[in-house]
């Protein structure tokens, strides 16, 4: 379920000239080629996976950046509260907790050719998107007892097929997890509809056609 203005620097020949390449424009915001590559590296780092730079991966990274640009613009226009430095610090601490030590975190971060400041920038954009979802959509999501019971019955039908002879978990013990699953599914549905409409209303130009 549920990234913006950095400069692309590329070595050109032996002269090592600096080139700033804009990949996508979203209204007045720009997404550079470096941002797309950084999004690939940050995502790989957070998922503890090697970096993949094929067309599918690059398009997915570009899509995430476009969506974040749309979200950031709406939050600024609507005056939704943006995450502050303390919020980003807390998120960074959670990321660090996935590693045995600060030294290992720093070493692996460097192996992805990332700095802590770059990671913080991406985490701040992720938090912006998460906060936008919380403020914009979750208050409108309601789950009734009948919704929970119907979902539970559907899930248990599949569960019994894959666990023949075993006793299924009770509705009482499953209620909270079912409620969260329904809220997440409905939030995703509302968010996707909003993003689709926001894309239509925004002037999005792909200067790098391979990302379209």
N, C-alpha and C. Protein backbone atom coordinates (compact mmCIF):
# COMPACT_ATOMS: atom_id res chain seq x y z
N UNK A 1 0.85 -1.14 0.00
CA UNK A 1 0.00 0.00 0.00
C UNK A 1 0.90 1.20 0.00
N UNK A 2 0.76 1.29 0.22
CA UNK A 2 1.25 2.48 0.68
C UNK A 2 2.66 2.01 1.14
N UNK A 3 8.36 11.04 -3.67
CA UNK A 3 9.42 10.72 -2.90
C UNK A 3 9.96 11.93 -3.26
N UNK A 4 11.71 16.22 -3.19
CA UNK A 4 11.50 15.72 -4.54
C UNK A 4 12.59 16.45 -5.32
N UNK A 5 13.18 17.30 -5.05
CA UNK A 5 13.98 18.07 -5.96
C UNK A 5 15.46 17.83 -5.67
N UNK A 6 16.08 16.92 -6.38
CA UNK A 6 17.49 16.62 -6.25
C UNK A 6 18.14 16.75 -7.61
N UNK A 7 19.44 16.96 -7.64
CA UNK A 7 20.14 17.19 -8.89
C UNK A 7 20.78 15.89 -9.38
N UNK A 8 20.59 15.62 -10.65
CA UNK A 8 21.22 14.46 -11.26
C UNK A 8 22.63 14.84 -11.68
N UNK A 9 23.60 14.06 -11.23
CA UNK A 9 24.98 14.30 -11.64
C UNK A 9 25.48 13.06 -12.34
N UNK A 10 25.92 13.22 -13.56
CA UNK A 10 26.41 12.10 -14.36
C UNK A 10 27.77 12.44 -14.93
N UNK A 11 28.67 11.47 -14.93
CA UNK A 11 29.98 11.67 -15.54
C UNK A 11 29.84 11.52 -17.04
N UNK A 12 30.28 12.52 -17.79
CA UNK A 12 30.19 12.49 -19.25
C UNK A 12 31.60 12.41 -19.80
N UNK A 13 31.92 11.24 -20.41
CA UNK A 13 33.25 11.04 -20.96
C UNK A 13 34.32 11.21 -19.89
N UNK A 14 35.49 11.67 -20.31
CA UNK A 14 36.57 11.87 -19.37
C UNK A 14 36.51 13.23 -18.70
N UNK A 15 35.61 14.10 -19.20
CA UNK A 15 35.54 15.44 -18.64
C UNK A 15 34.72 15.48 -17.36
N UNK A 16 33.94 14.40 -17.06
CA UNK A 16 33.13 14.33 -15.85
C UNK A 16 32.26 15.57 -15.70
N UNK A 17 31.60 15.97 -16.79
CA UNK A 17 30.71 17.11 -16.72
C UNK A 17 29.46 16.76 -15.92
N UNK A 18 28.86 17.75 -15.30
CA UNK A 18 27.64 17.55 -14.52
C UNK A 18 26.44 17.86 -15.40
N UNK A 19 25.52 16.88 -15.49
CA UNK A 19 24.33 17.03 -16.32
C UNK A 19 23.10 16.89 -15.45
N UNK A 20 22.19 17.82 -15.56
CA UNK A 20 20.94 17.78 -14.81
C UNK A 20 19.84 17.35 -15.77
N UNK A 21 19.34 16.14 -15.61
CA UNK A 21 18.33 15.63 -16.53
C UNK A 21 16.99 15.51 -15.82
N UNK A 22 16.03 16.24 -16.31
CA UNK A 22 14.68 16.15 -15.77
C UNK A 22 13.98 14.99 -16.48
N UNK A 23 13.43 14.06 -15.70
CA UNK A 23 12.76 12.89 -16.26
C UNK A 23 11.27 13.12 -16.43
N UNK A 24 10.64 13.77 -15.44
CA UNK A 24 9.19 13.97 -15.43
C UNK A 24 8.89 15.32 -14.79
N UNK A 25 7.87 15.99 -15.30
CA UNK A 25 7.35 17.17 -14.62
C UNK A 25 5.92 16.88 -14.19
N UNK A 26 5.60 17.29 -12.97
CA UNK A 26 4.26 17.12 -12.43
C UNK A 26 3.78 18.51 -12.02
N UNK A 27 3.08 19.18 -12.93
CA UNK A 27 2.75 20.57 -12.69
C UNK A 27 4.04 21.37 -12.62
N UNK A 28 4.25 22.07 -11.49
CA UNK A 28 5.45 22.87 -11.30
C UNK A 28 6.59 22.07 -10.65
N UNK A 29 6.32 20.83 -10.28
CA UNK A 29 7.35 20.00 -9.65
C UNK A 29 8.10 19.20 -10.72
N UNK A 30 9.36 18.92 -10.42
CA UNK A 30 10.16 18.13 -11.36
C UNK A 30 10.70 16.89 -10.66
N UNK A 31 10.84 15.83 -11.43
CA UNK A 31 11.46 14.59 -10.97
C UNK A 31 12.65 14.33 -11.89
N UNK A 32 13.82 14.19 -11.31
CA UNK A 32 15.03 14.01 -12.11
C UNK A 32 15.37 12.53 -12.25
N UNK A 33 16.28 12.26 -13.20
CA UNK A 33 16.75 10.89 -13.39
C UNK A 33 17.41 10.36 -12.12
N UNK A 34 18.14 11.24 -11.41
CA UNK A 34 18.80 10.81 -10.18
C UNK A 34 17.77 10.41 -9.13
N UNK A 35 16.67 11.15 -9.05
CA UNK A 35 15.63 10.80 -8.08
C UNK A 35 15.07 9.42 -8.35
N UNK A 36 14.87 9.10 -9.62
CA UNK A 36 14.36 7.78 -9.96
C UNK A 36 15.34 6.71 -9.52
N UNK A 37 16.63 6.92 -9.80
CA UNK A 37 17.64 5.95 -9.40
C UNK A 37 17.76 5.87 -7.88
N UNK A 38 17.66 7.02 -7.21
CA UNK A 38 17.71 7.01 -5.74
C UNK A 38 16.52 6.26 -5.16
N UNK A 39 15.35 6.44 -5.77
CA UNK A 39 14.16 5.71 -5.31
C UNK A 39 14.37 4.21 -5.42
N UNK A 40 15.01 3.77 -6.52
CA UNK A 40 15.32 2.34 -6.68
C UNK A 40 16.26 1.86 -5.57
N UNK A 41 17.30 2.67 -5.29
CA UNK A 41 18.28 2.26 -4.30
C UNK A 41 17.73 2.30 -2.88
N UNK A 42 16.93 3.33 -2.57
CA UNK A 42 16.34 3.42 -1.23
C UNK A 42 15.37 2.26 -1.01
N UNK A 43 14.54 1.97 -2.00
CA UNK A 43 13.58 0.87 -1.88
C UNK A 43 14.31 -0.46 -1.68
N UNK A 44 15.37 -0.68 -2.46
CA UNK A 44 16.15 -1.91 -2.33
C UNK A 44 16.80 -1.99 -0.94
N UNK A 45 17.33 -0.86 -0.47
CA UNK A 45 17.95 -0.82 0.85
C UNK A 45 16.95 -1.16 1.95
N UNK A 46 15.77 -0.54 1.90
CA UNK A 46 14.76 -0.76 2.94
C UNK A 46 14.24 -2.19 2.91
N UNK A 47 14.23 -2.81 1.72
CA UNK A 47 13.73 -4.18 1.58
C UNK A 47 14.85 -5.22 1.68
N UNK A 48 16.09 -4.75 1.92
CA UNK A 48 17.24 -5.65 2.03
C UNK A 48 17.37 -6.52 0.77
N UNK A 49 17.27 -5.87 -0.38
CA UNK A 49 17.34 -6.55 -1.66
C UNK A 49 18.37 -5.88 -2.57
N UNK A 50 18.86 -6.58 -3.57
CA UNK A 50 19.76 -5.93 -4.53
C UNK A 50 19.00 -4.93 -5.39
N UNK A 51 19.71 -3.95 -5.92
CA UNK A 51 19.09 -2.92 -6.76
C UNK A 51 18.78 -3.50 -8.13
N UNK A 52 17.55 -3.30 -8.59
CA UNK A 52 17.14 -3.72 -9.93
C UNK A 52 16.84 -2.48 -10.75
N UNK A 53 17.43 -2.40 -11.95
CA UNK A 53 17.25 -1.20 -12.77
C UNK A 53 16.64 -1.52 -14.13
N UNK A 54 15.83 -2.57 -14.22
CA UNK A 54 15.17 -2.84 -15.50
C UNK A 54 14.02 -1.85 -15.70
N UNK A 55 13.41 -1.89 -16.88
CA UNK A 55 12.37 -0.90 -17.22
C UNK A 55 11.19 -0.97 -16.26
N UNK A 56 10.79 -2.17 -15.90
CA UNK A 56 9.64 -2.32 -15.00
C UNK A 56 9.92 -1.68 -13.64
N UNK A 57 11.10 -1.93 -13.10
CA UNK A 57 11.47 -1.37 -11.81
C UNK A 57 11.56 0.16 -11.88
N UNK A 58 12.13 0.69 -12.97
CA UNK A 58 12.25 2.13 -13.11
C UNK A 58 10.87 2.80 -13.26
N UNK A 59 9.98 2.16 -14.01
CA UNK A 59 8.63 2.72 -14.15
C UNK A 59 7.89 2.71 -12.81
N UNK A 60 8.06 1.63 -12.05
CA UNK A 60 7.41 1.57 -10.73
C UNK A 60 7.95 2.66 -9.81
N UNK A 61 9.27 2.87 -9.85
CA UNK A 61 9.87 3.93 -9.03
C UNK A 61 9.35 5.29 -9.46
N UNK A 62 9.26 5.51 -10.78
CA UNK A 62 8.75 6.78 -11.29
C UNK A 62 7.30 6.99 -10.88
N UNK A 63 6.49 5.93 -10.92
CA UNK A 63 5.09 6.03 -10.50
C UNK A 63 4.99 6.45 -9.05
N UNK A 64 5.82 5.88 -8.20
CA UNK A 64 5.79 6.25 -6.79
C UNK A 64 6.16 7.71 -6.60
N UNK A 65 7.15 8.19 -7.36
CA UNK A 65 7.56 9.59 -7.25
C UNK A 65 6.46 10.53 -7.74
N UNK A 66 5.79 10.16 -8.82
CA UNK A 66 4.68 10.97 -9.33
C UNK A 66 3.56 11.03 -8.29
N UNK A 67 3.22 9.90 -7.71
CA UNK A 67 2.16 9.86 -6.71
C UNK A 67 2.53 10.70 -5.49
N UNK A 68 3.79 10.64 -5.08
CA UNK A 68 4.23 11.45 -3.95
C UNK A 68 4.16 12.94 -4.27
N UNK A 69 4.48 13.28 -5.51
CA UNK A 69 4.38 14.69 -5.91
C UNK A 69 2.93 15.16 -5.87
N UNK A 70 2.00 14.33 -6.32
CA UNK A 70 0.58 14.68 -6.27
C UNK A 70 0.10 14.83 -4.84
N UNK A 71 0.53 13.91 -3.98
CA UNK A 71 0.15 13.95 -2.57
C UNK A 71 0.71 15.19 -1.90
N UNK A 72 2.00 15.46 -2.13
CA UNK A 72 2.66 16.61 -1.51
C UNK A 72 1.97 17.91 -1.92
N UNK A 73 1.61 18.02 -3.20
CA UNK A 73 0.93 19.23 -3.68
C UNK A 73 -0.42 19.39 -2.99
N UNK A 74 -1.19 18.32 -2.89
CA UNK A 74 -2.51 18.41 -2.27
C UNK A 74 -2.42 18.75 -0.80
N UNK A 75 -1.42 18.19 -0.11
CA UNK A 75 -1.25 18.50 1.31
C UNK A 75 -0.88 19.96 1.52
N UNK A 76 -0.04 20.50 0.64
CA UNK A 76 0.34 21.90 0.77
C UNK A 76 -0.84 22.83 0.48
N UNK A 77 -1.60 22.51 -0.58
CA UNK A 77 -2.75 23.34 -0.94
C UNK A 77 -3.83 23.26 0.14
N UNK A 78 -4.07 22.06 0.66
CA UNK A 78 -5.12 21.85 1.66
C UNK A 78 -4.65 22.15 3.07
N UNK A 79 -3.36 22.46 3.23
CA UNK A 79 -2.78 22.79 4.53
C UNK A 79 -2.87 21.63 5.53
N UNK A 80 -2.73 20.41 5.03
CA UNK A 80 -2.60 19.27 5.92
C UNK A 80 -1.23 19.36 6.60
N UNK A 81 -1.12 18.94 7.86
CA UNK A 81 0.18 19.03 8.55
C UNK A 81 1.20 18.08 7.94
N UNK A 82 2.37 18.61 7.64
CA UNK A 82 3.46 17.80 7.11
C UNK A 82 4.28 17.23 8.27
N UNK A 83 4.95 16.10 8.07
CA UNK A 83 5.79 15.55 9.14
C UNK A 83 6.93 16.50 9.47
N UNK A 84 7.27 16.60 10.76
CA UNK A 84 8.37 17.46 11.16
C UNK A 84 9.63 16.63 11.36
N UNK A 85 10.70 17.28 11.77
CA UNK A 85 12.00 16.60 11.90
C UNK A 85 11.94 15.46 12.91
N UNK A 86 11.18 15.65 13.99
CA UNK A 86 11.07 14.60 15.00
C UNK A 86 10.39 13.36 14.43
N UNK A 87 9.36 13.57 13.60
CA UNK A 87 8.68 12.44 12.96
C UNK A 87 9.66 11.65 12.09
N UNK A 88 10.47 12.38 11.31
CA UNK A 88 11.44 11.72 10.43
C UNK A 88 12.50 11.01 11.26
N UNK A 89 12.94 11.64 12.36
CA UNK A 89 13.92 11.01 13.24
C UNK A 89 13.40 9.68 13.79
N UNK A 90 12.13 9.67 14.20
CA UNK A 90 11.53 8.44 14.73
C UNK A 90 11.46 7.36 13.66
N UNK A 91 11.13 7.75 12.44
CA UNK A 91 11.05 6.79 11.34
C UNK A 91 12.44 6.23 11.05
N UNK A 92 13.44 7.11 11.06
CA UNK A 92 14.81 6.67 10.81
C UNK A 92 15.27 5.70 11.89
N UNK A 93 14.88 5.94 13.14
CA UNK A 93 15.25 5.02 14.21
C UNK A 93 14.63 3.64 13.98
N UNK A 94 13.41 3.61 13.48
CA UNK A 94 12.77 2.33 13.17
C UNK A 94 13.55 1.58 12.09
N UNK A 95 14.00 2.33 11.08
CA UNK A 95 14.79 1.71 10.01
C UNK A 95 16.10 1.18 10.57
N UNK A 96 16.76 1.97 11.40
CA UNK A 96 18.04 1.55 11.99
C UNK A 96 17.87 0.28 12.83
N UNK A 97 16.70 0.14 13.45
CA UNK A 97 16.46 -1.01 14.33
C UNK A 97 16.48 -2.33 13.56
N UNK A 98 16.34 -2.28 12.24
CA UNK A 98 16.39 -3.50 11.43
C UNK A 98 17.82 -4.03 11.26
N UNK A 99 18.80 -3.27 11.75
CA UNK A 99 20.20 -3.66 11.60
C UNK A 99 20.81 -3.94 12.97
N UNK A 100 21.85 -4.76 12.98
CA UNK A 100 22.46 -5.18 14.24
C UNK A 100 23.11 -4.03 14.99
N UNK A 101 23.64 -3.06 14.26
CA UNK A 101 24.35 -1.96 14.88
C UNK A 101 24.35 -0.76 13.95
N UNK A 102 24.71 0.40 14.51
CA UNK A 102 24.81 1.60 13.69
C UNK A 102 25.91 1.45 12.65
N UNK A 103 26.98 0.77 13.04
CA UNK A 103 28.10 0.59 12.10
C UNK A 103 27.65 -0.25 10.90
N UNK A 104 26.88 -1.30 11.15
CA UNK A 104 26.40 -2.14 10.04
C UNK A 104 25.42 -1.35 9.18
N UNK A 105 24.55 -0.57 9.83
CA UNK A 105 23.62 0.28 9.08
C UNK A 105 24.38 1.22 8.15
N UNK A 106 25.39 1.90 8.69
CA UNK A 106 26.17 2.86 7.89
C UNK A 106 26.90 2.15 6.75
N UNK A 107 27.43 0.97 7.03
CA UNK A 107 28.18 0.24 6.01
C UNK A 107 27.27 -0.20 4.86
N UNK A 108 26.10 -0.74 5.19
CA UNK A 108 25.19 -1.22 4.15
C UNK A 108 24.59 -0.04 3.40
N UNK A 109 24.27 1.04 4.12
CA UNK A 109 23.75 2.24 3.46
C UNK A 109 24.74 2.74 2.41
N UNK A 110 26.01 2.77 2.78
CA UNK A 110 27.05 3.23 1.84
C UNK A 110 27.18 2.28 0.65
N UNK A 111 26.94 0.98 0.87
CA UNK A 111 27.05 0.02 -0.23
C UNK A 111 25.99 0.25 -1.30
N UNK A 112 24.89 0.93 -0.93
CA UNK A 112 23.85 1.30 -1.89
C UNK A 112 24.09 2.71 -2.46
N UNK A 113 25.27 3.27 -2.13
CA UNK A 113 25.65 4.61 -2.58
C UNK A 113 24.60 5.64 -2.13
N UNK A 114 24.23 5.52 -0.85
CA UNK A 114 23.27 6.44 -0.25
C UNK A 114 23.89 7.09 0.98
N UNK A 115 23.46 8.31 1.26
CA UNK A 115 23.83 8.98 2.50
C UNK A 115 22.62 9.01 3.41
N UNK A 116 22.87 9.28 4.68
CA UNK A 116 21.76 9.34 5.63
C UNK A 116 20.81 10.49 5.28
N UNK A 117 21.36 11.61 4.80
CA UNK A 117 20.51 12.74 4.42
C UNK A 117 19.59 12.38 3.25
N UNK A 118 20.12 11.64 2.28
CA UNK A 118 19.29 11.21 1.16
C UNK A 118 18.19 10.27 1.65
N UNK A 119 18.54 9.34 2.52
CA UNK A 119 17.54 8.43 3.08
C UNK A 119 16.47 9.21 3.84
N UNK A 120 16.90 10.20 4.62
CA UNK A 120 15.93 11.01 5.38
C UNK A 120 14.95 11.72 4.44
N UNK A 121 15.45 12.24 3.33
CA UNK A 121 14.58 12.93 2.38
C UNK A 121 13.49 11.98 1.86
N UNK A 122 13.89 10.76 1.55
CA UNK A 122 12.93 9.78 1.03
C UNK A 122 11.96 9.34 2.13
N UNK A 123 12.46 9.16 3.34
CA UNK A 123 11.58 8.78 4.45
C UNK A 123 10.57 9.89 4.73
N UNK A 124 11.01 11.15 4.62
CA UNK A 124 10.09 12.27 4.84
C UNK A 124 8.96 12.25 3.82
N UNK A 125 9.27 11.93 2.56
CA UNK A 125 8.24 11.86 1.54
C UNK A 125 7.30 10.69 1.78
N UNK A 126 7.85 9.56 2.24
CA UNK A 126 7.00 8.43 2.58
C UNK A 126 6.05 8.78 3.71
N UNK A 127 6.58 9.46 4.73
CA UNK A 127 5.73 9.86 5.86
C UNK A 127 4.66 10.85 5.42
N UNK A 128 5.02 11.73 4.48
CA UNK A 128 4.03 12.68 3.95
C UNK A 128 2.87 11.92 3.33
N UNK A 129 3.18 10.89 2.54
CA UNK A 129 2.13 10.10 1.90
C UNK A 129 1.28 9.37 2.94
N UNK A 130 1.94 8.78 3.95
CA UNK A 130 1.20 8.06 4.98
C UNK A 130 0.30 9.00 5.77
N UNK A 131 0.82 10.17 6.09
CA UNK A 131 0.01 11.13 6.84
C UNK A 131 -1.17 11.63 6.01
N UNK A 132 -0.94 11.83 4.72
CA UNK A 132 -2.00 12.24 3.82
C UNK A 132 -3.13 11.20 3.81
N UNK A 133 -2.76 9.93 3.74
CA UNK A 133 -3.77 8.86 3.73
C UNK A 133 -4.57 8.88 5.03
N UNK A 134 -3.87 9.05 6.16
CA UNK A 134 -4.55 9.06 7.46
C UNK A 134 -5.54 10.21 7.56
N UNK A 135 -5.13 11.40 7.16
CA UNK A 135 -5.99 12.56 7.31
C UNK A 135 -7.08 12.62 6.24
N UNK A 136 -6.73 12.19 5.04
CA UNK A 136 -7.63 12.41 3.90
C UNK A 136 -8.67 11.32 3.74
N UNK A 137 -8.33 10.06 4.07
CA UNK A 137 -9.21 8.96 3.73
C UNK A 137 -9.69 8.13 4.91
N UNK A 138 -8.85 7.83 5.87
CA UNK A 138 -9.25 6.91 6.92
C UNK A 138 -10.45 7.37 7.75
N UNK A 139 -10.65 8.66 8.01
CA UNK A 139 -11.85 9.06 8.77
C UNK A 139 -13.14 8.67 8.07
N UNK A 140 -13.11 8.48 6.75
CA UNK A 140 -14.33 8.16 6.01
C UNK A 140 -14.55 6.66 5.86
N UNK A 141 -13.64 5.85 6.39
CA UNK A 141 -13.74 4.41 6.24
C UNK A 141 -14.48 3.83 7.43
N UNK A 142 -15.61 3.16 7.16
CA UNK A 142 -16.37 2.53 8.22
C UNK A 142 -16.51 1.05 7.98
N UNK A 143 -16.44 0.25 9.06
CA UNK A 143 -16.57 -1.20 8.97
C UNK A 143 -17.63 -1.65 9.96
N UNK A 144 -18.67 -2.29 9.46
CA UNK A 144 -19.76 -2.75 10.32
C UNK A 144 -19.52 -4.18 10.78
N UNK A 145 -20.31 -4.63 11.77
CA UNK A 145 -20.21 -6.00 12.24
C UNK A 145 -20.52 -7.00 11.12
N UNK A 146 -21.50 -6.67 10.27
CA UNK A 146 -21.85 -7.57 9.18
C UNK A 146 -20.71 -7.64 8.15
N UNK A 147 -20.00 -6.51 7.94
CA UNK A 147 -18.84 -6.53 7.05
C UNK A 147 -17.78 -7.50 7.57
N UNK A 148 -17.53 -7.42 8.88
CA UNK A 148 -16.53 -8.28 9.50
C UNK A 148 -16.94 -9.75 9.40
N UNK A 149 -18.21 -10.04 9.67
CA UNK A 149 -18.67 -11.42 9.63
C UNK A 149 -18.61 -11.99 8.21
N UNK A 150 -19.02 -11.21 7.23
CA UNK A 150 -18.99 -11.68 5.84
C UNK A 150 -17.56 -11.94 5.38
N UNK A 151 -16.65 -11.03 5.72
CA UNK A 151 -15.24 -11.20 5.35
C UNK A 151 -14.67 -12.44 6.02
N UNK A 152 -14.97 -12.60 7.30
CA UNK A 152 -14.48 -13.75 8.06
C UNK A 152 -14.95 -15.06 7.43
N UNK A 153 -16.22 -15.12 7.06
CA UNK A 153 -16.77 -16.34 6.47
C UNK A 153 -16.09 -16.67 5.13
N UNK A 154 -15.83 -15.65 4.32
CA UNK A 154 -15.15 -15.88 3.05
C UNK A 154 -13.72 -16.39 3.27
N UNK A 155 -13.04 -15.75 4.21
CA UNK A 155 -11.66 -16.15 4.49
C UNK A 155 -11.59 -17.55 5.08
N UNK A 156 -12.55 -17.88 5.95
CA UNK A 156 -12.53 -19.21 6.57
C UNK A 156 -12.83 -20.31 5.57
N UNK A 157 -13.63 -20.01 4.55
CA UNK A 157 -13.90 -21.01 3.51
C UNK A 157 -12.60 -21.38 2.80
N UNK A 158 -11.78 -20.37 2.50
CA UNK A 158 -10.48 -20.63 1.87
C UNK A 158 -9.52 -21.31 2.85
N UNK A 159 -9.59 -20.86 4.12
CA UNK A 159 -8.69 -21.40 5.14
C UNK A 159 -8.91 -22.90 5.34
N UNK A 160 -10.18 -23.32 5.37
CA UNK A 160 -10.50 -24.73 5.60
C UNK A 160 -10.00 -25.60 4.45
N UNK A 161 -10.01 -25.06 3.24
CA UNK A 161 -9.51 -25.83 2.09
C UNK A 161 -8.01 -26.07 2.18
N UNK A 162 -7.31 -25.08 2.70
CA UNK A 162 -5.84 -25.20 2.80
C UNK A 162 -5.39 -25.82 4.11
N UNK A 163 -6.32 -25.99 5.08
CA UNK A 163 -5.99 -26.60 6.37
C UNK A 163 -7.02 -27.68 6.71
N UNK A 164 -7.10 -28.72 5.90
CA UNK A 164 -8.13 -29.75 6.14
C UNK A 164 -7.98 -30.41 7.50
N UNK A 165 -9.10 -30.51 8.22
CA UNK A 165 -9.10 -31.18 9.51
C UNK A 165 -8.69 -30.32 10.68
N UNK A 166 -8.16 -29.12 10.42
CA UNK A 166 -7.72 -28.23 11.51
C UNK A 166 -8.85 -27.32 11.94
N UNK A 167 -8.84 -26.94 13.20
CA UNK A 167 -9.86 -26.04 13.72
C UNK A 167 -9.52 -24.60 13.33
N UNK A 168 -10.44 -23.89 12.68
CA UNK A 168 -10.14 -22.52 12.26
C UNK A 168 -10.14 -21.55 13.43
N UNK A 169 -9.46 -20.42 13.30
CA UNK A 169 -9.53 -19.40 14.37
C UNK A 169 -10.94 -18.86 14.49
N UNK A 170 -11.32 -18.50 15.70
CA UNK A 170 -12.68 -18.02 15.94
C UNK A 170 -12.87 -16.61 15.41
N UNK A 171 -14.13 -16.25 15.23
CA UNK A 171 -14.44 -14.88 14.81
C UNK A 171 -13.98 -13.88 15.85
N UNK A 172 -14.17 -14.22 17.13
CA UNK A 172 -13.78 -13.30 18.21
C UNK A 172 -12.28 -13.01 18.18
N UNK A 173 -11.47 -14.06 17.96
CA UNK A 173 -10.02 -13.85 17.94
C UNK A 173 -9.53 -13.19 16.66
N UNK A 174 -10.36 -13.27 15.62
CA UNK A 174 -9.97 -12.71 14.32
C UNK A 174 -10.56 -11.33 14.06
N UNK A 175 -11.45 -10.87 14.92
CA UNK A 175 -12.20 -9.64 14.63
C UNK A 175 -11.31 -8.45 14.34
N UNK A 176 -10.31 -8.21 15.17
CA UNK A 176 -9.48 -7.02 15.00
C UNK A 176 -8.64 -7.09 13.72
N UNK A 177 -8.09 -8.26 13.43
CA UNK A 177 -7.29 -8.39 12.20
C UNK A 177 -8.17 -8.27 10.96
N UNK A 178 -9.41 -8.77 11.03
CA UNK A 178 -10.34 -8.64 9.92
C UNK A 178 -10.73 -7.17 9.73
N UNK A 179 -10.98 -6.49 10.83
CA UNK A 179 -11.35 -5.07 10.75
C UNK A 179 -10.23 -4.26 10.09
N UNK A 180 -8.98 -4.51 10.49
CA UNK A 180 -7.85 -3.79 9.91
C UNK A 180 -7.69 -4.12 8.42
N UNK A 181 -7.89 -5.38 8.07
CA UNK A 181 -7.77 -5.78 6.66
C UNK A 181 -8.82 -5.08 5.81
N UNK A 182 -10.04 -4.97 6.32
CA UNK A 182 -11.11 -4.28 5.59
C UNK A 182 -10.82 -2.79 5.46
N UNK A 183 -10.34 -2.18 6.53
CA UNK A 183 -10.01 -0.74 6.49
C UNK A 183 -8.90 -0.49 5.49
N UNK A 184 -7.87 -1.32 5.51
CA UNK A 184 -6.75 -1.15 4.58
C UNK A 184 -7.21 -1.31 3.13
N UNK A 185 -8.04 -2.32 2.88
CA UNK A 185 -8.52 -2.57 1.52
C UNK A 185 -9.36 -1.41 1.02
N UNK A 186 -10.23 -0.89 1.87
CA UNK A 186 -11.09 0.22 1.45
C UNK A 186 -10.30 1.51 1.31
N UNK A 187 -9.32 1.70 2.18
CA UNK A 187 -8.47 2.88 2.06
C UNK A 187 -7.70 2.85 0.75
N UNK A 188 -7.14 1.68 0.42
CA UNK A 188 -6.41 1.53 -0.85
C UNK A 188 -7.33 1.84 -2.03
N UNK A 189 -8.56 1.37 -1.97
CA UNK A 189 -9.50 1.59 -3.06
C UNK A 189 -9.80 3.07 -3.24
N UNK A 190 -10.07 3.76 -2.14
CA UNK A 190 -10.36 5.20 -2.20
C UNK A 190 -9.13 5.97 -2.66
N UNK A 191 -7.95 5.61 -2.14
CA UNK A 191 -6.71 6.28 -2.53
C UNK A 191 -6.44 6.10 -4.01
N UNK A 192 -6.61 4.90 -4.53
CA UNK A 192 -6.36 4.65 -5.95
C UNK A 192 -7.29 5.46 -6.83
N UNK A 193 -8.54 5.61 -6.42
CA UNK A 193 -9.48 6.42 -7.19
C UNK A 193 -9.06 7.89 -7.16
N UNK A 194 -8.60 8.35 -5.99
CA UNK A 194 -8.15 9.74 -5.88
C UNK A 194 -6.93 9.97 -6.77
N UNK A 195 -5.96 9.04 -6.73
CA UNK A 195 -4.76 9.19 -7.54
C UNK A 195 -5.09 9.19 -9.03
N UNK A 196 -6.02 8.34 -9.43
CA UNK A 196 -6.41 8.30 -10.84
C UNK A 196 -6.99 9.65 -11.27
N UNK A 197 -7.83 10.23 -10.43
CA UNK A 197 -8.43 11.53 -10.75
C UNK A 197 -7.39 12.64 -10.71
N UNK A 198 -6.49 12.57 -9.72
CA UNK A 198 -5.44 13.59 -9.60
C UNK A 198 -4.51 13.57 -10.81
N UNK A 199 -4.21 12.39 -11.34
CA UNK A 199 -3.39 12.29 -12.54
C UNK A 199 -4.07 12.95 -13.73
N UNK A 200 -5.38 12.75 -13.85
CA UNK A 200 -6.12 13.33 -14.97
C UNK A 200 -6.12 14.86 -14.90
N UNK A 201 -6.16 15.40 -13.69
CA UNK A 201 -6.27 16.84 -13.52
C UNK A 201 -4.92 17.54 -13.50
N UNK A 202 -3.83 16.76 -13.46
CA UNK A 202 -2.49 17.35 -13.39
C UNK A 202 -1.80 17.27 -14.75
N UNK A 203 -0.92 18.22 -14.99
CA UNK A 203 -0.14 18.22 -16.22
C UNK A 203 1.15 17.44 -15.98
N UNK A 204 1.10 16.14 -16.30
CA UNK A 204 2.26 15.26 -16.09
C UNK A 204 2.92 15.01 -17.44
N UNK A 205 4.19 15.39 -17.54
CA UNK A 205 4.92 15.25 -18.79
C UNK A 205 6.13 14.35 -18.57
N UNK A 206 6.21 13.28 -19.35
CA UNK A 206 7.33 12.33 -19.26
C UNK A 206 8.37 12.70 -20.32
N UNK A 207 9.43 13.36 -19.90
CA UNK A 207 10.52 13.67 -20.81
C UNK A 207 11.35 12.40 -21.09
N UNK A 208 11.39 11.52 -20.13
CA UNK A 208 11.99 10.20 -20.34
C UNK A 208 10.85 9.24 -20.66
N UNK A 209 10.65 8.96 -21.92
CA UNK A 209 9.51 8.16 -22.37
C UNK A 209 9.55 6.73 -21.84
N UNK A 210 10.73 6.24 -21.48
CA UNK A 210 10.82 4.87 -20.98
C UNK A 210 10.15 4.72 -19.62
N UNK A 211 9.87 5.82 -18.93
CA UNK A 211 9.24 5.77 -17.61
C UNK A 211 7.72 5.85 -17.69
N UNK A 212 7.20 6.06 -18.87
CA UNK A 212 5.75 6.28 -19.03
C UNK A 212 4.98 4.96 -19.02
